[in-house]
Amino acid sequence: MAKYFRDVKAEFKKITWPSRDNVVKTTGTVLGVMAFFTVIIWLYDLIFSNALMAILRLF
């Protein structure tokens, strides 16, 4: 078990971590894309639910 943790520690030293600016930029991009698709899905839901209600009112 101790060997496993030594190996994990050695592997963590090999990791090249991204810079803070890179993390902030990519996080902002991800949040922006999520917000965009959230609005798109909300609009489709609104349109289709209103269309379905209009169709159901006909019967």
C-alpha atoms as a PDB file:
ATOM      1  CA  MET A   1       0.000   0.000   0.000  1.00  0.00           C
ATOM      2  CA  ALA A   2       2.866   2.370   0.800  1.00  0.00           C
ATOM      3  CA  LYS A   3       4.415   1.651  -2.611  1.00  0.00           C
ATOM      4  CA  TYR A   4       1.151   2.625  -4.272  1.00  0.00           C
ATOM      5  CA  PHE A   5       1.133   6.036  -2.563  1.00  0.00           C
ATOM      6  CA  ARG A   6       4.811   6.586  -3.411  1.00  0.00           C
ATOM      7  CA  ASP A   7       3.996   5.836  -7.037  1.00  0.00           C
ATOM      8  CA  VAL A   8       1.026   8.204  -6.951  1.00  0.00           C
ATOM      9  CA  LYS A   9       3.227  10.935  -5.491  1.00  0.00           C
ATOM     10  CA  ALA A  10       5.822  10.349  -8.212  1.00  0.00           C
ATOM     11  CA  GLU A  11       3.165  10.549 -10.926  1.00  0.00           C
ATOM     12  CA  PHE A  12       1.746  13.773  -9.470  1.00  0.00           C
ATOM     13  CA  LYS A  13       5.181  15.364  -9.807  1.00  0.00           C
ATOM     14  CA  LYS A  14       5.076  14.627 -13.553  1.00  0.00           C
ATOM     15  CA  ILE A  15       1.801  16.490 -14.094  1.00  0.00           C
ATOM     16  CA  THR A  16       1.959  19.793 -15.943  1.00  0.00           C
ATOM     17  CA  TRP A  17      -0.764  21.869 -14.311  1.00  0.00           C
ATOM     18  CA  PRO A  18      -2.462  24.613 -16.369  1.00  0.00           C
ATOM     19  CA  SER A  19      -1.880  28.244 -15.512  1.00  0.00           C
ATOM     20  CA  ARG A  20      -4.468  30.210 -13.569  1.00  0.00           C
ATOM     21  CA  ASP A  21      -5.238  32.342 -16.630  1.00  0.00           C
ATOM     22  CA  ASN A  22      -5.841  29.227 -18.714  1.00  0.00           C
ATOM     23  CA  VAL A  23      -8.167  27.750 -16.080  1.00  0.00           C
ATOM     24  CA  VAL A  24     -10.151  30.993 -15.795  1.00  0.00           C
ATOM     25  CA  LYS A  25     -10.417  31.324 -19.585  1.00  0.00           C
ATOM     26  CA  THR A  26     -11.542  27.748 -20.197  1.00  0.00           C
ATOM     27  CA  THR A  27     -13.949  27.835 -17.244  1.00  0.00           C
ATOM     28  CA  GLY A  28     -15.507  31.003 -18.645  1.00  0.00           C
ATOM     29  CA  THR A  29     -15.831  29.349 -22.047  1.00  0.00           C
ATOM     30  CA  VAL A  30     -17.515  26.275 -20.555  1.00  0.00           C
ATOM     31  CA  LEU A  31     -19.939  28.399 -18.518  1.00  0.00           C
ATOM     32  CA  GLY A  32     -20.735  30.532 -21.563  1.00  0.00           C
ATOM     33  CA  VAL A  33     -21.462  27.492 -23.740  1.00  0.00           C
ATOM     34  CA  MET A  34     -23.598  25.987 -20.973  1.00  0.00           C
ATOM     35  CA  ALA A  35     -25.587  29.222 -20.640  1.00  0.00           C
ATOM     36  CA  PHE A  36     -26.071  29.402 -24.412  1.00  0.00           C
ATOM     37  CA  PHE A  37     -27.395  25.851 -24.688  1.00  0.00           C
ATOM     38  CA  THR A  38     -29.532  26.314 -21.577  1.00  0.00           C
ATOM     39  CA  VAL A  39     -31.281  29.246 -23.253  1.00  0.00           C
ATOM     40  CA  ILE A  40     -31.647  27.324 -26.537  1.00  0.00           C
ATOM     41  CA  ILE A  41     -33.193  24.300 -24.779  1.00  0.00           C
ATOM     42  CA  TRP A  42     -35.472  26.577 -22.731  1.00  0.00           C
ATOM     43  CA  LEU A  43     -36.679  28.309 -25.903  1.00  0.00           C
ATOM     44  CA  TYR A  44     -37.361  24.990 -27.662  1.00  0.00           C
ATOM     45  CA  ASP A  45     -39.252  23.779 -24.601  1.00  0.00           C
ATOM     46  CA  LEU A  46     -41.301  26.969 -24.506  1.00  0.00           C
ATOM     47  CA  ILE A  47     -42.117  26.814 -28.218  1.00  0.00           C
ATOM     48  CA  PHE A  48     -43.033  23.126 -28.254  1.00  0.00           C
ATOM     49  CA  SER A  49     -45.080  23.264 -25.061  1.00  0.00           C
ATOM     50  CA  ASN A  50     -47.066  26.239 -26.386  1.00  0.00           C
ATOM     51  CA  ALA A  51     -47.543  24.517 -29.742  1.00  0.00           C
ATOM     52  CA  LEU A  52     -48.738  21.340 -28.035  1.00  0.00           C
ATOM     53  CA  MET A  53     -51.163  23.283 -25.850  1.00  0.00           C
ATOM     54  CA  ALA A  54     -52.528  25.060 -28.938  1.00  0.00           C
ATOM     55  CA  ILE A  55     -53.024  21.722 -30.709  1.00  0.00           C
ATOM     56  CA  LEU A  56     -54.717  20.196 -27.666  1.00  0.00           C
ATOM     57  CA  ARG A  57     -57.093  23.172 -27.364  1.00  0.00           C
ATOM     58  CA  LEU A  58     -58.391  22.389 -30.858  1.00  0.00           C
ATOM     59  CA  PHE A  59     -59.802  19.054 -29.680  1.00  0.00           C
END
